[in-house]
Amino acid sequence: MVKGQMSNDKGFSHGGTLWGLVNDFKDFINGDDEAYHNNGYGGLYCPHWGYPEEDMAAIQKYAIELGYLKS
């Protein structure tokens, strides 16, 4: 395995960022109101998602509306 690569059987690629986000969502859905960033990744404020800034702003705004991110 390459250093830094996530080992899992769910089809996620190497970095683990999306895997962490999905697991944070799982925790949030199951009642953990402080689930943001539980699973060791840069979070939705991280600049490494690869989406345009305006798209990330829309995602962050929606996550705040859902109560997932705190404003």
C-alpha atoms as a PDB file:
ATOM      1  CA  MET A   1       0.000   0.000   0.000  1.00  0.00           C
ATOM      2  CA  VAL A   2       1.207   3.514  -0.811  1.00  0.00           C
ATOM      3  CA  LYS A   3       1.964   5.720   2.195  1.00  0.00           C
ATOM      4  CA  GLY A   4      -1.122   7.791   3.050  1.00  0.00           C
ATOM      5  CA  GLN A   5      -3.449   5.507   1.106  1.00  0.00           C
ATOM      6  CA  MET A   6      -6.682   4.494   2.806  1.00  0.00           C
ATOM      7  CA  SER A   7      -7.323   0.794   2.936  1.00  0.00           C
ATOM      8  CA  ASN A   8     -11.007  -0.036   2.723  1.00  0.00           C
ATOM      9  CA  ASP A   9     -13.379  -2.206   0.794  1.00  0.00           C
ATOM     10  CA  LYS A  10     -15.956   0.430  -0.107  1.00  0.00           C
ATOM     11  CA  GLY A  11     -14.392   1.679  -3.351  1.00  0.00           C
ATOM     12  CA  PHE A  12     -12.953   4.964  -2.098  1.00  0.00           C
ATOM     13  CA  SER A  13      -9.718   6.184  -3.677  1.00  0.00           C
ATOM     14  CA  HIS A  14      -6.436   6.752  -1.947  1.00  0.00           C
ATOM     15  CA  GLY A  15      -6.617  10.145  -0.187  1.00  0.00           C
ATOM     16  CA  GLY A  16      -9.401   9.384   2.245  1.00  0.00           C
ATOM     17  CA  THR A  17     -10.969  12.852   2.142  1.00  0.00           C
ATOM     18  CA  LEU A  18     -14.314  11.749   0.723  1.00  0.00           C
ATOM     19  CA  TRP A  19     -14.281   8.660   2.975  1.00  0.00           C
ATOM     20  CA  GLY A  20     -13.857  10.967   5.993  1.00  0.00           C
ATOM     21  CA  LEU A  21     -16.655  13.265   4.837  1.00  0.00           C
ATOM     22  CA  VAL A  22     -19.063  10.353   4.279  1.00  0.00           C
ATOM     23  CA  ASN A  23     -18.279   9.011   7.751  1.00  0.00           C
ATOM     24  CA  ASP A  24     -18.797  12.459   9.266  1.00  0.00           C
ATOM     25  CA  PHE A  25     -22.191  12.616   7.524  1.00  0.00           C
ATOM     26  CA  LYS A  26     -23.003   9.176   8.952  1.00  0.00           C
ATOM     27  CA  ASP A  27     -22.127  10.398  12.454  1.00  0.00           C
ATOM     28  CA  PHE A  28     -24.173  13.592  11.935  1.00  0.00           C
ATOM     29  CA  ILE A  29     -27.219  11.659  10.683  1.00  0.00           C
ATOM     30  CA  ASN A  30     -26.941   9.369  13.704  1.00  0.00           C
ATOM     31  CA  GLY A  31     -27.205  12.337  16.071  1.00  0.00           C
ATOM     32  CA  ASP A  32     -23.657  13.644  16.567  1.00  0.00           C
ATOM     33  CA  ASP A  33     -24.194  17.391  16.187  1.00  0.00           C
ATOM     34  CA  GLU A  34     -20.422  17.923  16.402  1.00  0.00           C
ATOM     35  CA  ALA A  35     -19.552  15.382  13.683  1.00  0.00           C
ATOM     36  CA  TYR A  36     -17.718  17.880  11.476  1.00  0.00           C
ATOM     37  CA  HIS A  37     -14.119  16.768  11.049  1.00  0.00           C
ATOM     38  CA  ASN A  38     -14.420  13.644  13.267  1.00  0.00           C
ATOM     39  CA  ASN A  39     -12.754  11.419  10.708  1.00  0.00           C
ATOM     40  CA  GLY A  40      -9.466  13.176  10.021  1.00  0.00           C
ATOM     41  CA  TYR A  41      -9.632  15.195   6.817  1.00  0.00           C
ATOM     42  CA  GLY A  42      -9.499  18.868   5.898  1.00  0.00           C
ATOM     43  CA  GLY A  43     -13.250  19.414   6.093  1.00  0.00           C
ATOM     44  CA  LEU A  44     -15.540  21.365   3.810  1.00  0.00           C
ATOM     45  CA  TYR A  45     -13.461  24.509   4.339  1.00  0.00           C
ATOM     46  CA  CYS A  46     -10.375  22.739   2.963  1.00  0.00           C
ATOM     47  CA  PRO A  47      -9.134  24.298  -0.313  1.00  0.00           C
ATOM     48  CA  HIS A  48      -8.182  20.925  -1.827  1.00  0.00           C
ATOM     49  CA  TRP A  49     -11.572  19.700  -3.036  1.00  0.00           C
ATOM     50  CA  GLY A  50     -10.903  20.754  -6.621  1.00  0.00           C
ATOM     51  CA  TYR A  51     -14.192  22.589  -7.128  1.00  0.00           C
ATOM     52  CA  PRO A  52     -14.484  26.253  -8.098  1.00  0.00           C
ATOM     53  CA  GLU A  53     -14.611  28.644  -5.128  1.00  0.00           C
ATOM     54  CA  GLU A  54     -18.231  29.619  -5.834  1.00  0.00           C
ATOM     55  CA  ASP A  55     -19.305  25.952  -5.875  1.00  0.00           C
ATOM     56  CA  MET A  56     -17.587  25.305  -2.548  1.00  0.00           C
ATOM     57  CA  ALA A  57     -19.271  28.416  -1.109  1.00  0.00           C
ATOM     58  CA  ALA A  58     -22.662  27.003  -2.149  1.00  0.00           C
ATOM     59  CA  ILE A  59     -21.834  23.609  -0.595  1.00  0.00           C
ATOM     60  CA  GLN A  60     -20.670  25.270   2.622  1.00  0.00           C
ATOM     61  CA  LYS A  61     -23.812  27.447   2.752  1.00  0.00           C
ATOM     62  CA  TYR A  62     -26.022  24.395   2.359  1.00  0.00           C
ATOM     63  CA  ALA A  63     -24.074  22.494   5.032  1.00  0.00           C
ATOM     64  CA  ILE A  64     -24.636  25.446   7.404  1.00  0.00           C
ATOM     65  CA  GLU A  65     -28.379  25.436   6.599  1.00  0.00           C
ATOM     66  CA  LEU A  66     -28.492  21.720   7.443  1.00  0.00           C
ATOM     67  CA  GLY A  67     -26.722  22.359  10.742  1.00  0.00           C
ATOM     68  CA  TYR A  68     -23.724  20.249   9.720  1.00  0.00           C
ATOM     69  CA  LEU A  69     -21.340  23.227   9.655  1.00  0.00           C
ATOM     70  CA  LYS A  70     -21.462  25.952  12.223  1.00  0.00           C
ATOM     71  CA  SER A  71     -21.425  29.496  10.810  1.00  0.00           C
END
